[in-house]
Structure formats: structure tokens, C-alpha cells
C-alpha atoms as a PDB file:
ATOM      1  CA  MET A   1       3.622   4.984  94.950  1.00  0.00           C
ATOM      2  CA  PRO A   2       7.204   6.138  95.541  1.00  0.00           C
ATOM      3  CA  ASP A   3       7.861   9.523  94.033  1.00  0.00           C
ATOM      4  CA  PHE A   4      10.742   8.544  91.591  1.00  0.00           C
ATOM      5  CA  PRO A   5      12.322  11.182  89.445  1.00  0.00           C
ATOM      6  CA  GLY A   6      11.768   8.673  86.294  1.00  0.00           C
ATOM      7  CA  ASN A   7       8.083   8.621  86.933  1.00  0.00           C
ATOM      8  CA  GLN A   8       7.892  12.359  86.776  1.00  0.00           C
ATOM      9  CA  ALA A   9       9.809  12.406  83.484  1.00  0.00           C
ATOM     10  CA  PHE A  10       7.602   9.841  81.943  1.00  0.00           C
ATOM     11  CA  LEU A  11       4.330  11.777  82.941  1.00  0.00           C
ATOM     12  CA  PHE A  12       5.899  14.841  81.208  1.00  0.00           C
ATOM     13  CA  VAL A  13       6.957  13.193  78.130  1.00  0.00           C
ATOM     14  CA  LEU A  14       3.734  11.116  77.473  1.00  0.00           C
ATOM     15  CA  PRO A  15       1.330  14.040  76.264  1.00  0.00           C
ATOM     16  CA  ILE A  16       3.941  15.064  73.909  1.00  0.00           C
ATOM     17  CA  LEU A  17       4.353  11.300  72.457  1.00  0.00           C
ATOM     18  CA  VAL A  18       0.510  11.280  72.113  1.00  0.00           C
ATOM     19  CA  PHE A  19       0.175  14.557  70.351  1.00  0.00           C
ATOM     20  CA  THR A  20       2.993  13.802  67.954  1.00  0.00           C
ATOM     21  CA  VAL A  21       2.094  10.083  67.184  1.00  0.00           C
ATOM     22  CA  GLN A  22      -1.661  10.559  66.687  1.00  0.00           C
ATOM     23  CA  PRO A  23      -1.534  12.956  63.635  1.00  0.00           C
ATOM     24  CA  MET A  24       1.116  10.761  61.909  1.00  0.00           C
ATOM     25  CA  SER A  25      -1.184   7.967  62.185  1.00  0.00           C
ATOM     26  CA  GLN A  26      -3.793   9.953  60.402  1.00  0.00           C
ATOM     27  CA  VAL A  27      -1.695  10.745  57.354  1.00  0.00           C
ATOM     28  CA  PRO A  28      -3.219   8.551  54.403  1.00  0.00           C
ATOM     29  CA  MET A  29      -0.451   6.351  52.920  1.00  0.00           C
ATOM     30  CA  PRO A  30      -0.119   6.288  49.155  1.00  0.00           C
ATOM     31  CA  ALA A  31      -2.136   3.826  47.340  1.00  0.00           C
ATOM     32  CA  PRO A  32      -0.020   1.067  45.534  1.00  0.00           C
ATOM     33  CA  THR A  33       0.207   1.807  41.769  1.00  0.00           C
ATOM     34  CA  ALA A  34       0.155  -0.917  39.095  1.00  0.00           C
ATOM     35  CA  PRO A  35       3.375  -1.495  37.314  1.00  0.00           C
ATOM     36  CA  GLN A  36       4.137   0.503  34.188  1.00  0.00           C
ATOM     37  CA  THR A  37       3.558  -1.628  31.073  1.00  0.00           C
ATOM     38  CA  LEU A  38       4.528  -0.971  27.261  1.00  0.00           C
ATOM     39  CA  PRO A  39       1.514  -0.224  24.909  1.00  0.00           C
ATOM     40  CA  TYR A  40      -0.090  -3.391  23.958  1.00  0.00           C
ATOM     41  CA  ASP A  41       1.906  -5.345  26.216  1.00  0.00           C
ATOM     42  CA  GLY A  42       1.025  -9.182  25.660  1.00  0.00           C
ATOM     43  CA  ASP A  43       0.096  -8.982  21.923  1.00  0.00           C
ATOM     44  CA  LEU A  44       3.196  -9.335  19.714  1.00  0.00           C
ATOM     45  CA  LEU A  45       1.263  -8.324  16.836  1.00  0.00           C
ATOM     46  CA  LEU A  46       0.037  -5.108  18.204  1.00  0.00           C
ATOM     47  CA  ARG A  47       3.355  -4.222  19.583  1.00  0.00           C
ATOM     48  CA  MET A  48       4.902  -4.772  16.262  1.00  0.00           C
ATOM     49  CA  ALA A  49       2.461  -2.531  14.641  1.00  0.00           C
ATOM     50  CA  ASP A  50       3.179   0.114  17.176  1.00  0.00           C
ATOM     51  CA  TRP A  51       6.675  -0.044  16.573  1.00  0.00           C
ATOM     52  CA  ALA A  52       6.363  -0.134  12.880  1.00  0.00           C
ATOM     53  CA  GLY A  53       4.308   3.106  13.157  1.00  0.00           C
ATOM     54  CA  GLN A  54       6.911   4.907  15.146  1.00  0.00           C
ATOM     55  CA  HIS A  55       9.716   4.251  12.607  1.00  0.00           C
ATOM     56  CA  ALA A  56       7.258   4.033   9.542  1.00  0.00           C
ATOM     57  CA  LEU A  57       9.162   6.712   7.362  1.00  0.00           C
ATOM     58  CA  VAL A  58      12.590   5.076   7.906  1.00  0.00           C
ATOM     59  CA  LEU A  59      11.022   1.800   7.055  1.00  0.00           C
ATOM     60  CA  PHE A  60       9.209   2.926   3.820  1.00  0.00           C
ATOM     61  CA  LEU A  61      12.214   4.599   2.591  1.00  0.00           C
ATOM     62  CA  MET A  62      14.427   1.774   3.026  1.00  0.00           C
ATOM     63  CA  SER A  63      11.875  -0.956   1.705  1.00  0.00           C
ATOM     64  CA  LEU A  64      11.225   1.338  -1.497  1.00  0.00           C
ATOM     65  CA  THR A  65      14.968   1.720  -2.025  1.00  0.00           C
ATOM     66  CA  ALA A  66      15.506  -2.154  -1.724  1.00  0.00           C
ATOM     67  CA  LEU A  67      12.520  -3.103  -4.020  1.00  0.00           C
ATOM     68  CA  LEU A  68      13.862  -0.534  -6.788  1.00  0.00           C
ATOM     69  CA  ALA A  69      17.315  -2.084  -6.341  1.00  0.00           C
ATOM     70  CA  LEU A  70      16.014  -5.563  -6.581  1.00  0.00           C
ATOM     71  CA  SER A  71      13.935  -4.595  -9.587  1.00  0.00           C
ATOM     72  CA  TRP A  72      16.718  -3.038 -11.431  1.00  0.00           C
ATOM     73  CA  GLY A  73      18.699  -5.975 -10.737  1.00  0.00           C
ATOM     74  CA  VAL A  74      16.469  -8.334 -11.993  1.00  0.00           C
ATOM     75  CA  TRP A  75      15.638  -6.252 -14.993  1.00  0.00           C
ATOM     76  CA  ARG A  76      19.360  -6.102 -15.904  1.00  0.00           C
ATOM     77  CA  MET A  77      19.616  -9.768 -15.748  1.00  0.00           C
ATOM     78  CA  ALA A  78      16.633 -10.399 -17.890  1.00  0.00           C
ATOM     79  CA  SER A  79      17.888  -8.002 -20.318  1.00  0.00           C
ATOM     80  CA  ARG A  80      21.286  -9.657 -20.686  1.00  0.00           C
ATOM     81  CA  TRP A  81      19.570 -13.140 -20.801  1.00  0.00           C
ATOM     82  CA  ALA A  82      17.311 -11.903 -23.437  1.00  0.00           C
ATOM     83  CA  ALA A  83      20.078 -10.193 -25.462  1.00  0.00           C
ATOM     84  CA  SER A  84      21.896 -13.539 -25.521  1.00  0.00           C
ATOM     85  CA  ARG A  85      18.741 -15.189 -27.080  1.00  0.00           C
ATOM     86  CA  ARG A  86      17.581 -12.518 -29.386  1.00  0.00           C
ATOM     87  CA  PRO A  87      16.545 -14.907 -32.282  1.00  0.00           C
ATOM     88  CA  LEU A  88      14.491 -17.151 -29.924  1.00  0.00           C
ATOM     89  CA  LEU A  89      12.694 -14.377 -28.414  1.00  0.00           C
ATOM     90  CA  SER A  90      11.903 -12.854 -31.760  1.00  0.00           C
ATOM     91  CA  ASN A  91       9.206 -15.389 -32.036  1.00  0.00           C
ATOM     92  CA  PRO A  92       5.916 -13.446 -31.352  1.00  0.00           C
ATOM     93  CA  TRP A  93       4.337 -16.547 -29.982  1.00  0.00           C
ATOM     94  CA  LEU A  94       7.188 -16.888 -27.360  1.00  0.00           C
ATOM     95  CA  ALA A  95       6.937 -13.147 -26.402  1.00  0.00           C
ATOM     96  CA  PHE A  96       3.255 -13.580 -26.065  1.00  0.00           C
ATOM     97  CA  ALA A  97       3.617 -16.532 -23.760  1.00  0.00           C
ATOM     98  CA  LEU A  98       6.278 -14.721 -21.333  1.00  0.00           C
ATOM     99  CA  ARG A  99       4.082 -11.680 -20.984  1.00  0.00           C
ATOM    100  CA  SER A 100       0.937 -13.834 -20.445  1.00  0.00           C
ATOM    101  CA  VAL A 101       2.791 -15.776 -17.639  1.00  0.00           C
ATOM    102  CA  ALA A 102       3.913 -12.640 -15.858  1.00  0.00           C
ATOM    103  CA  ALA A 103       0.432 -11.274 -16.140  1.00  0.00           C
ATOM    104  CA  PHE A 104      -1.125 -14.347 -14.878  1.00  0.00           C
ATOM    105  CA  GLY A 105       1.334 -14.303 -11.937  1.00  0.00           C
ATOM    106  CA  ALA A 106       0.271 -10.819 -11.107  1.00  0.00           C
ATOM    107  CA  ILE A 107      -3.330 -11.980 -10.988  1.00  0.00           C
ATOM    108  CA  VAL A 108      -2.875 -15.016  -8.867  1.00  0.00           C
ATOM    109  CA  GLY A 109      -0.582 -12.982  -6.457  1.00  0.00           C
ATOM    110  CA  GLY A 110      -2.689  -9.922  -6.192  1.00  0.00           C
ATOM    111  CA  ALA A 111      -5.873 -11.876  -5.783  1.00  0.00           C
ATOM    112  CA  ALA A 112      -4.428 -14.116  -3.169  1.00  0.00           C
ATOM    113  CA  MET A 113      -2.948 -11.111  -1.148  1.00  0.00           C
ATOM    114  CA  PHE A 114      -6.496  -9.225  -1.481  1.00  0.00           C
ATOM    115  CA  ALA A 115      -8.256 -12.330  -0.300  1.00  0.00           C
ATOM    116  CA  GLU A 116      -6.037 -12.956   2.630  1.00  0.00           C
ATOM    117  CA  ILE A 117      -6.280  -9.436   3.865  1.00  0.00           C
ATOM    118  CA  SER A 118     -10.000  -9.132   3.459  1.00  0.00           C
ATOM    119  CA  ASP A 119     -10.646 -12.348   5.220  1.00  0.00           C
ATOM    120  CA  LYS A 120      -8.770 -10.952   8.240  1.00  0.00           C
ATOM    121  CA  LEU A 121     -10.888  -7.729   8.418  1.00  0.00           C
ATOM    122  CA  GLY A 122     -13.799  -7.255  10.778  1.00  0.00           C
ATOM    123  CA  THR A 123     -14.796  -5.428  14.068  1.00  0.00           C
ATOM    124  CA  GLY A 124     -12.468  -6.490  16.914  1.00  0.00           C
ATOM    125  CA  ARG A 125     -10.357  -8.848  14.733  1.00  0.00           C
ATOM    126  CA  ARG A 126      -6.601  -8.570  15.463  1.00  0.00           C
ATOM    127  CA  MET A 127      -5.841  -6.896  12.128  1.00  0.00           C
ATOM    128  CA  GLY A 128      -8.184  -4.152  12.621  1.00  0.00           C
ATOM    129  CA  LEU A 129      -6.527  -3.524  15.950  1.00  0.00           C
ATOM    130  CA  ALA A 130      -3.020  -3.776  14.444  1.00  0.00           C
ATOM    131  CA  ASP A 131      -4.245  -1.192  11.812  1.00  0.00           C
ATOM    132  CA  GLN A 132      -5.459   1.228  14.631  1.00  0.00           C
ATOM    133  CA  ALA A 133      -2.134   0.686  16.675  1.00  0.00           C
ATOM    134  CA  PHE A 134      -0.054   1.407  13.533  1.00  0.00           C
ATOM    135  CA  THR A 135      -2.131   4.596  12.670  1.00  0.00           C
ATOM    136  CA  ASP A 136      -1.807   5.922  16.207  1.00  0.00           C
ATOM    137  CA  ALA A 137       1.760   5.486  16.140  1.00  0.00           C
ATOM    138  CA  LEU A 138       2.020   7.334  12.761  1.00  0.00           C
ATOM    139  CA  SER A 139       0.231  10.441  14.387  1.00  0.00           C
ATOM    140  CA  ARG A 140       3.049  10.636  17.008  1.00  0.00           C
ATOM    141  CA  SER A 141       5.993  10.097  14.789  1.00  0.00           C
ATOM    142  CA  VAL A 142       5.812  11.507  11.371  1.00  0.00           C
ATOM    143  CA  PRO A 143       7.056  15.025  11.092  1.00  0.00           C
ATOM    144  CA  GLN A 144       4.860  17.857   9.409  1.00  0.00           C
ATOM    145  CA  GLU A 145       7.575  18.348   6.741  1.00  0.00           C
ATOM    146  CA  ALA A 146       7.230  14.616   5.537  1.00  0.00           C
ATOM    147  CA  LEU A 147       3.431  15.011   5.693  1.00  0.00           C
ATOM    148  CA  GLN A 148       3.455  18.042   3.398  1.00  0.00           C
ATOM    149  CA  VAL A 149       5.493  16.184   0.853  1.00  0.00           C
ATOM    150  CA  PHE A 150       3.146  13.168   1.160  1.00  0.00           C
ATOM    151  CA  ALA A 151       0.123  15.479   0.614  1.00  0.00           C
ATOM    152  CA  ALA A 152       1.572  16.730  -2.537  1.00  0.00           C
ATOM    153  CA  LEU A 153       2.699  13.344  -4.010  1.00  0.00           C
ATOM    154  CA  THR A 154      -0.825  11.838  -3.399  1.00  0.00           C
ATOM    155  CA  ARG A 155      -2.437  14.355  -5.823  1.00  0.00           C
ATOM    156  CA  LEU A 156      -0.882  12.078  -8.669  1.00  0.00           C
ATOM    157  CA  GLY A 157      -3.334   9.376  -7.501  1.00  0.00           C
ATOM    158  CA  ASP A 158      -6.622  11.636  -7.277  1.00  0.00           C
ATOM    159  CA  THR A 159      -9.394  10.795  -9.464  1.00  0.00           C
ATOM    160  CA  ALA A 160      -9.095  14.155 -11.413  1.00  0.00           C
ATOM    161  CA  THR A 161      -5.415  13.414 -12.070  1.00  0.00           C
ATOM    162  CA  LEU A 162      -6.054   9.910 -13.319  1.00  0.00           C
ATOM    163  CA  VAL A 163      -8.894  10.892 -15.432  1.00  0.00           C
ATOM    164  CA  GLY A 164      -6.732  13.646 -17.238  1.00  0.00           C
ATOM    165  CA  LEU A 165      -3.895  11.399 -17.579  1.00  0.00           C
ATOM    166  CA  CYS A 166      -6.451   8.762 -19.170  1.00  0.00           C
ATOM    167  CA  VAL A 167      -7.563  11.402 -21.898  1.00  0.00           C
ATOM    168  CA  LEU A 168      -4.262  12.535 -22.624  1.00  0.00           C
ATOM    169  CA  VAL A 169      -2.587   9.209 -23.163  1.00  0.00           C
ATOM    170  CA  ALA A 170      -5.713   7.959 -25.191  1.00  0.00           C
ATOM    171  CA  LEU A 171      -5.229  10.921 -27.485  1.00  0.00           C
ATOM    172  CA  LEU A 172      -1.751  10.355 -27.937  1.00  0.00           C
ATOM    173  CA  LEU A 173      -2.166   6.864 -28.832  1.00  0.00           C
ATOM    174  CA  CYS A 174      -5.018   7.600 -31.426  1.00  0.00           C
ATOM    175  CA  TRP A 175      -2.478  10.307 -32.883  1.00  0.00           C
ATOM    176  CA  ARG A 176      -0.123   7.556 -33.178  1.00  0.00           C
ATOM    177  CA  GLY A 177      -2.547   5.307 -35.050  1.00  0.00           C
ATOM    178  CA  ARG A 178      -2.764   2.849 -32.017  1.00  0.00           C
ATOM    179  CA  VAL A 179      -6.626   2.878 -31.519  1.00  0.00           C
ATOM    180  CA  GLY A 180      -6.966  -0.404 -30.182  1.00  0.00           C
ATOM    181  CA  LEU A 181      -4.355   0.147 -27.488  1.00  0.00           C
ATOM    182  CA  ALA A 182      -6.103   3.482 -26.908  1.00  0.00           C
ATOM    183  CA  VAL A 183      -9.451   1.629 -26.159  1.00  0.00           C
ATOM    184  CA  ALA A 184      -7.676  -0.880 -24.098  1.00  0.00           C
ATOM    185  CA  TRP A 185      -5.804   1.895 -21.988  1.00  0.00           C
ATOM    186  CA  VAL A 186      -9.369   3.603 -21.304  1.00  0.00           C
ATOM    187  CA  MET A 187     -11.219   0.251 -20.317  1.00  0.00           C
ATOM    188  CA  THR A 188      -8.417  -0.672 -18.226  1.00  0.00           C
ATOM    189  CA  LEU A 189      -8.497   2.549 -16.110  1.00  0.00           C
ATOM    190  CA  ALA A 190     -12.298   2.663 -16.151  1.00  0.00           C
ATOM    191  CA  GLY A 191     -12.626  -0.946 -15.089  1.00  0.00           C
ATOM    192  CA  GLY A 192     -10.416  -0.581 -12.329  1.00  0.00           C
ATOM    193  CA  GLY A 193     -12.280   2.605 -10.955  1.00  0.00           C
ATOM    194  CA  LEU A 194     -15.522   0.631 -11.096  1.00  0.00           C
ATOM    195  CA  LEU A 195     -14.133  -2.717  -9.484  1.00  0.00           C
ATOM    196  CA  ASN A 196     -12.764  -0.392  -6.597  1.00  0.00           C
ATOM    197  CA  THR A 197     -16.040   1.705  -6.088  1.00  0.00           C
ATOM    198  CA  THR A 198     -17.979  -1.748  -6.057  1.00  0.00           C
ATOM    199  CA  LEU A 199     -15.700  -3.273  -3.510  1.00  0.00           C
ATOM    200  CA  LYS A 200     -15.618  -0.248  -1.110  1.00  0.00           C
ATOM    201  CA  ARG A 201     -19.399  -0.633  -0.900  1.00  0.00           C
ATOM    202  CA  VAL A 202     -19.297  -4.329  -0.283  1.00  0.00           C
ATOM    203  CA  PHE A 203     -16.975  -3.871   2.598  1.00  0.00           C
ATOM    204  CA  ALA A 204     -18.218  -0.526   3.882  1.00  0.00           C
ATOM    205  CA  ARG A 205     -15.090   0.104   6.297  1.00  0.00           C
ATOM    206  CA  VAL A 206     -14.919   3.443   8.035  1.00  0.00           C
ATOM    207  CA  ARG A 207     -11.907   5.463   7.441  1.00  0.00           C
ATOM    208  CA  PRO A 208      -9.517   6.353  10.174  1.00  0.00           C
ATOM    209  CA  ILE A 209      -9.856   9.858  11.843  1.00  0.00           C
ATOM    210  CA  HIS A 210      -7.558  12.110   9.854  1.00  0.00           C
ATOM    211  CA  ASP A 211      -7.769  15.756  11.492  1.00  0.00           C
ATOM    212  CA  ASP A 212      -4.418  17.265  10.457  1.00  0.00           C
ATOM    213  CA  GLY A 213      -6.188  19.307   7.749  1.00  0.00           C
ATOM    214  CA  LEU A 214      -3.562  18.447   4.910  1.00  0.00           C
ATOM    215  CA  VAL A 215      -5.939  16.071   2.991  1.00  0.00           C
ATOM    216  CA  GLN A 216      -9.785  15.331   3.390  1.00  0.00           C
ATOM    217  CA  ALA A 217     -11.271  12.152   2.117  1.00  0.00           C
ATOM    218  CA  ASP A 218     -14.848  10.806   2.429  1.00  0.00           C
ATOM    219  CA  GLY A 219     -16.398   7.611   1.456  1.00  0.00           C
ATOM    220  CA  PHE A 220     -15.480   4.168   2.503  1.00  0.00           C
ATOM    221  CA  SER A 221     -11.983   3.107   3.191  1.00  0.00           C
ATOM    222  CA  PHE A 222     -11.443  -0.643   1.859  1.00  0.00           C
ATOM    223  CA  PRO A 223      -9.641  -0.836  -0.521  1.00  0.00           C
ATOM    224  CA  SER A 224      -7.762   2.180  -0.936  1.00  0.00           C
ATOM    225  CA  GLY A 225      -8.806   3.733  -4.425  1.00  0.00           C
ATOM    226  CA  HIS A 226      -5.473   5.701  -4.830  1.00  0.00           C
ATOM    227  CA  SER A 227      -3.354   2.407  -4.454  1.00  0.00           C
ATOM    228  CA  SER A 228      -5.336   0.525  -6.861  1.00  0.00           C
ATOM    229  CA  GLY A 229      -5.821   3.209  -9.290  1.00  0.00           C
ATOM    230  CA  SER A 230      -2.028   4.097  -9.190  1.00  0.00           C
ATOM    231  CA  VAL A 231      -1.111   0.566  -9.840  1.00  0.00           C
ATOM    232  CA  VAL A 232      -3.140   0.288 -12.756  1.00  0.00           C
ATOM    233  CA  ALA A 233      -2.629   3.661 -14.187  1.00  0.00           C
ATOM    234  CA  TYR A 234       1.005   3.804 -13.898  1.00  0.00           C
ATOM    235  CA  GLY A 235       1.459   0.243 -14.537  1.00  0.00           C
ATOM    236  CA  MET A 236      -0.310   0.532 -17.754  1.00  0.00           C
ATOM    237  CA  LEU A 237       1.985   3.168 -18.571  1.00  0.00           C
ATOM    238  CA  ALA A 238       4.883   0.973 -18.032  1.00  0.00           C
ATOM    239  CA  TYR A 239       3.321  -1.791 -20.331  1.00  0.00           C
ATOM    240  CA  LEU A 240       2.745   0.901 -23.112  1.00  0.00           C
ATOM    241  CA  ALA A 241       6.576   1.816 -22.714  1.00  0.00           C
ATOM    242  CA  LEU A 242       7.426  -1.705 -23.029  1.00  0.00           C
ATOM    243  CA  ARG A 243       5.338  -1.926 -26.378  1.00  0.00           C
ATOM    244  CA  LEU A 244       6.084   1.507 -27.880  1.00  0.00           C
ATOM    245  CA  LEU A 245       9.389   2.851 -26.594  1.00  0.00           C
ATOM    246  CA  PRO A 246      13.093   2.176 -27.416  1.00  0.00           C
ATOM    247  CA  ALA A 247      14.374  -0.554 -25.434  1.00  0.00           C
ATOM    248  CA  ARG A 248      16.874   1.789 -23.664  1.00  0.00           C
ATOM    249  CA  TRP A 249      13.813   3.560 -21.989  1.00  0.00           C
ATOM    250  CA  HIS A 250      12.158   0.394 -20.953  1.00  0.00           C
ATOM    251  CA  GLY A 251      13.962  -0.095 -17.482  1.00  0.00           C
ATOM    252  CA  PRO A 252      13.925   3.501 -16.247  1.00  0.00           C
ATOM    253  CA  VAL A 253      10.416   3.939 -17.186  1.00  0.00           C
ATOM    254  CA  ALA A 254       9.205   0.799 -15.364  1.00  0.00           C
ATOM    255  CA  LEU A 255      11.152   1.672 -12.160  1.00  0.00           C
ATOM    256  CA  LEU A 256       9.771   5.345 -12.214  1.00  0.00           C
ATOM    257  CA  MET A 257       6.305   3.864 -12.593  1.00  0.00           C
ATOM    258  CA  LEU A 258       6.949   1.338  -9.687  1.00  0.00           C
ATOM    259  CA  ALA A 259       8.355   4.140  -7.407  1.00  0.00           C
ATOM    260  CA  LEU A 260       5.244   6.292  -8.274  1.00  0.00           C
ATOM    261  CA  ALA A 261       2.594   3.610  -7.448  1.00  0.00           C
ATOM    262  CA  CYS A 262       4.253   2.619  -4.316  1.00  0.00           C
ATOM    263  CA  THR A 263       4.678   6.176  -2.984  1.00  0.00           C
ATOM    264  CA  ILE A 264       1.112   7.084  -3.701  1.00  0.00           C
ATOM    265  CA  GLY A 265      -0.274   4.033  -2.000  1.00  0.00           C
ATOM    266  CA  ALA A 266       2.020   4.767   1.161  1.00  0.00           C
ATOM    267  CA  SER A 267       1.090   8.511   1.059  1.00  0.00           C
ATOM    268  CA  ARG A 268      -2.600   7.314   1.949  1.00  0.00           C
ATOM    269  CA  MET A 269      -1.161   5.621   4.960  1.00  0.00           C
ATOM    270  CA  PHE A 270       1.080   8.303   6.265  1.00  0.00           C
ATOM    271  CA  LEU A 271      -1.704  10.872   5.846  1.00  0.00           C
ATOM    272  CA  ARG A 272      -3.993   8.768   7.839  1.00  0.00           C
ATOM    273  CA  VAL A 273      -6.781   8.660   5.360  1.00  0.00           C
ATOM    274  CA  HIS A 274      -6.494   4.933   5.100  1.00  0.00           C
ATOM    275  CA  PHE A 275      -5.535   2.005   7.211  1.00  0.00           C
ATOM    276  CA  ALA A 276      -2.419   0.163   6.222  1.00  0.00           C
ATOM    277  CA  SER A 277      -4.518  -2.981   5.206  1.00  0.00           C
ATOM    278  CA  ASP A 278      -6.457  -0.642   3.038  1.00  0.00           C
ATOM    279  CA  VAL A 279      -3.301   0.464   1.095  1.00  0.00           C
ATOM    280  CA  LEU A 280      -2.086  -3.309   0.888  1.00  0.00           C
ATOM    281  CA  ALA A 281      -5.504  -4.475  -0.319  1.00  0.00           C
ATOM    282  CA  GLY A 282      -5.512  -1.592  -2.851  1.00  0.00           C
ATOM    283  CA  LEU A 283      -1.959  -2.463  -4.357  1.00  0.00           C
ATOM    284  CA  ALA A 284      -2.923  -6.118  -4.506  1.00  0.00           C
ATOM    285  CA  LEU A 285      -6.174  -5.339  -6.241  1.00  0.00           C
ATOM    286  CA  GLY A 286      -4.654  -3.209  -8.617  1.00  0.00           C
ATOM    287  CA  LEU A 287      -2.091  -5.595  -9.385  1.00  0.00           C
ATOM    288  CA  ALA A 288      -4.432  -8.259 -10.138  1.00  0.00           C
ATOM    289  CA  TRP A 289      -6.680  -6.121 -12.456  1.00  0.00           C
ATOM    290  CA  LEU A 290      -3.476  -4.812 -14.208  1.00  0.00           C
ATOM    291  CA  GLY A 291      -2.432  -8.430 -14.952  1.00  0.00           C
ATOM    292  CA  ALA A 292      -6.010  -9.428 -16.149  1.00  0.00           C
ATOM    293  CA  SER A 293      -5.877  -6.438 -18.397  1.00  0.00           C
ATOM    294  CA  VAL A 294      -2.416  -7.179 -19.932  1.00  0.00           C
ATOM    295  CA  ILE A 295      -3.493 -10.738 -20.420  1.00  0.00           C
ATOM    296  CA  SER A 296      -6.711  -9.397 -22.265  1.00  0.00           C
ATOM    297  CA  ILE A 297      -4.771  -7.140 -24.525  1.00  0.00           C
ATOM    298  CA  GLU A 298      -2.218  -9.802 -25.283  1.00  0.00           C
ATOM    299  CA  LEU A 299      -5.011 -12.276 -26.293  1.00  0.00           C
ATOM    300  CA  ALA A 300      -6.482  -9.675 -28.555  1.00  0.00           C
ATOM    301  CA  ARG A 301      -3.199  -9.219 -30.128  1.00  0.00           C
ATOM    302  CA  TRP A 302      -2.691 -12.891 -30.622  1.00  0.00           C
ATOM    303  CA  TRP A 303      -6.246 -13.472 -31.983  1.00  0.00           C
ATOM    304  CA  GLY A 304      -5.792 -10.517 -34.403  1.00  0.00           C
ATOM    305  CA  ARG A 305      -2.497 -11.992 -35.848  1.00  0.00           C
ATOM    306  CA  ARG A 306      -4.216 -15.363 -36.284  1.00  0.00           C
ATOM    307  CA  ARG A 307      -6.960 -13.611 -38.318  1.00  0.00           C
ATOM    308  CA  LYS A 308      -4.660 -11.822 -40.337  1.00  0.00           C
ATOM    309  CA  ARG A 309      -2.612 -14.851 -40.966  1.00  0.00           C
ATOM    310  CA  ALA A 310      -5.621 -17.190 -41.943  1.00  0.00           C
ATOM    311  CA  PRO A 311      -6.623 -15.417 -45.117  1.00  0.00           C
ATOM    312  CA  ALA A 312      -3.073 -15.319 -46.256  1.00  0.00           C
ATOM    313  CA  HIS A 313      -2.761 -18.839 -45.740  1.00  0.00           C
ATOM    314  CA  GLY A 314      -5.973 -19.583 -47.534  1.00  0.00           C
ATOM    315  CA  GLU A 315      -4.781 -17.703 -50.490  1.00  0.00           C
ATOM    316  CA  ALA A 316      -1.518 -19.507 -50.896  1.00  0.00           C
ATOM    317  CA  THR A 317      -3.394 -22.877 -50.641  1.00  0.00           C
ATOM    318  CA  THR A 318      -5.683 -21.737 -53.452  1.00  0.00           C
ATOM    319  CA  THR A 319      -2.847 -20.665 -55.791  1.00  0.00           C
ATOM    320  CA  GLY A 320      -0.896 -23.719 -55.172  1.00  0.00           C
END
């Protein structure tokens, strides 16, 4: 083979190429990574629950404000309508009918909502998964200052608070000579608590994990006792205000009781001692029991008036 300068250059460069290329071929290539996806990608309900949990505080404040504004508007319209028809509404039978219709609507609406929620619960059901997604998002998004406020407000729905309120209001009613209302007040609150305790044992749902140390709760989770108890107690206070206080206080007291019941219920959700469906079911249960109690009280009033009028009617007939 002729001795060409190009061949000598190739023989000189070849070992360098082998030494350089071989280590490069032994460098491991990075493994392909899966594309990044959003949490709960592919399930609209779970994505909506996660989004709602991230913005829960703003959504709650907006919803509560809208509810109070709507309720105040409806109250003002109803008051004006009633003022223009005062002679008609002075009829006790018509007043009884209107209260009974409102209470019956509360029973039907609350019971239907409770049944719908309870039907969708269960291990692995989508509502349970949405509850968990919402609660997980709450733990990441709600500031500590807001949690401390909710931890203080939730005490207004504690068993000890409601028992003290029950005793105090019952004594005041008895002092004013309203013994029948006092008995109805006590029976309504006691019956609501007993109903909630019974349903907790029936459903036996485990509470979410709440390890922030602000509030501790034990027992079963569904339905929320604070939610149902607050609706019953503060809703009955609103009913007593309609019965006993001057008309100018009816609207403000009713709105205050509504705000308290909703805020106490929401506090259980923000503090993560209950799932969102627990709170909604508790509100629905309390509304249904409150409606049933109001109807029972109104029926007792109607029956009492009828019994009082019967002897008077009999004496008039005998005299004639």
C-alpha cells in the first residue's frame, strides 16, 4: 500500500475518535416524561370541586351577601304587599294558612335535598370523591386568619351553646306567660338533636382529617350536627321574633338568624371537621325539621282557638 500522507493522518486521528465517541455512547439518555396534567383531569365534577375549594372563601362571602340581599328584597316586597292588604291578613285563619304553606315548603325542600345528597353518598361514589377534592383544596387555600375567625364563630353552634340558649329562651318565655311556646321551643331543639344523632349512626360516615389544631371533633360526620342544630335553633328564634316582637324588628332579626345559621354551617366545612355534603345535608335536615315544628305549633294554635270558640258558640246557641 503506498505511503500517502492522508493515510498517516487517518491512522493518527482514529484512536482519538474511538476514545471520544465511545464514552458519549455510554451516557444514559433521559427517560421520556409523561405530559403534565391538571389535578383531576378528565372529570369535570372533581375539577370543579378543586376549583371551588381554592376559591371557597370568596365564593362563600359572595353567596352569603347575595342570599341576604335577596332575602331582604323579598321581605320588603312581602311587607309592602301585606301592608296594602292589612284588613285581609288580620284574619287568623289566613295567617295560619300562609305560615303553614311556608313551613310545608321548608319540609318538602329540605327533605328532598337531604334525600338527594344521601342517595349519592358511598365509598368510591363521585360525590365522596368531590368532597375529598374540595376539602384538600381548602387545606391549601384558606388563610390561617380566616380559620381562626371560623373557629370562634363555630362555637355558636356547639352543643353547650345551644343547650344554654334553649334554657335561657325557655325561661324568658315562661316569665312572659308563654308556657306553650316554651314547651314547643324545647321540644323543637331536643327533637332536632335527637334526629341528627340517629341519622349519624345510620350513615356512620367517617370525618375528614382535620389536623390544624383549631377545632377537634369526634363521632360520625353525616349530617353535620352544627349545621342542622343552628338552622333549628336560630330559625326558631326568627319564628319567635315574628310572633312576639314589634314588626320593625322582624326583618332584621330574621336576616341575622339566617346569616348565623349559614356561617356556622360553613365554618364546619372551612375547619375541615365536615365534608361539604355533610354541611349541606345538615342545613337541609334542619330546614325540614324546622318546617315540621312550625306547622305543629301553628296547628296547636289553631286547635286551641277552635276549642275556645266552641264553648262560646254553644253558650250563644243555648241563650238564643
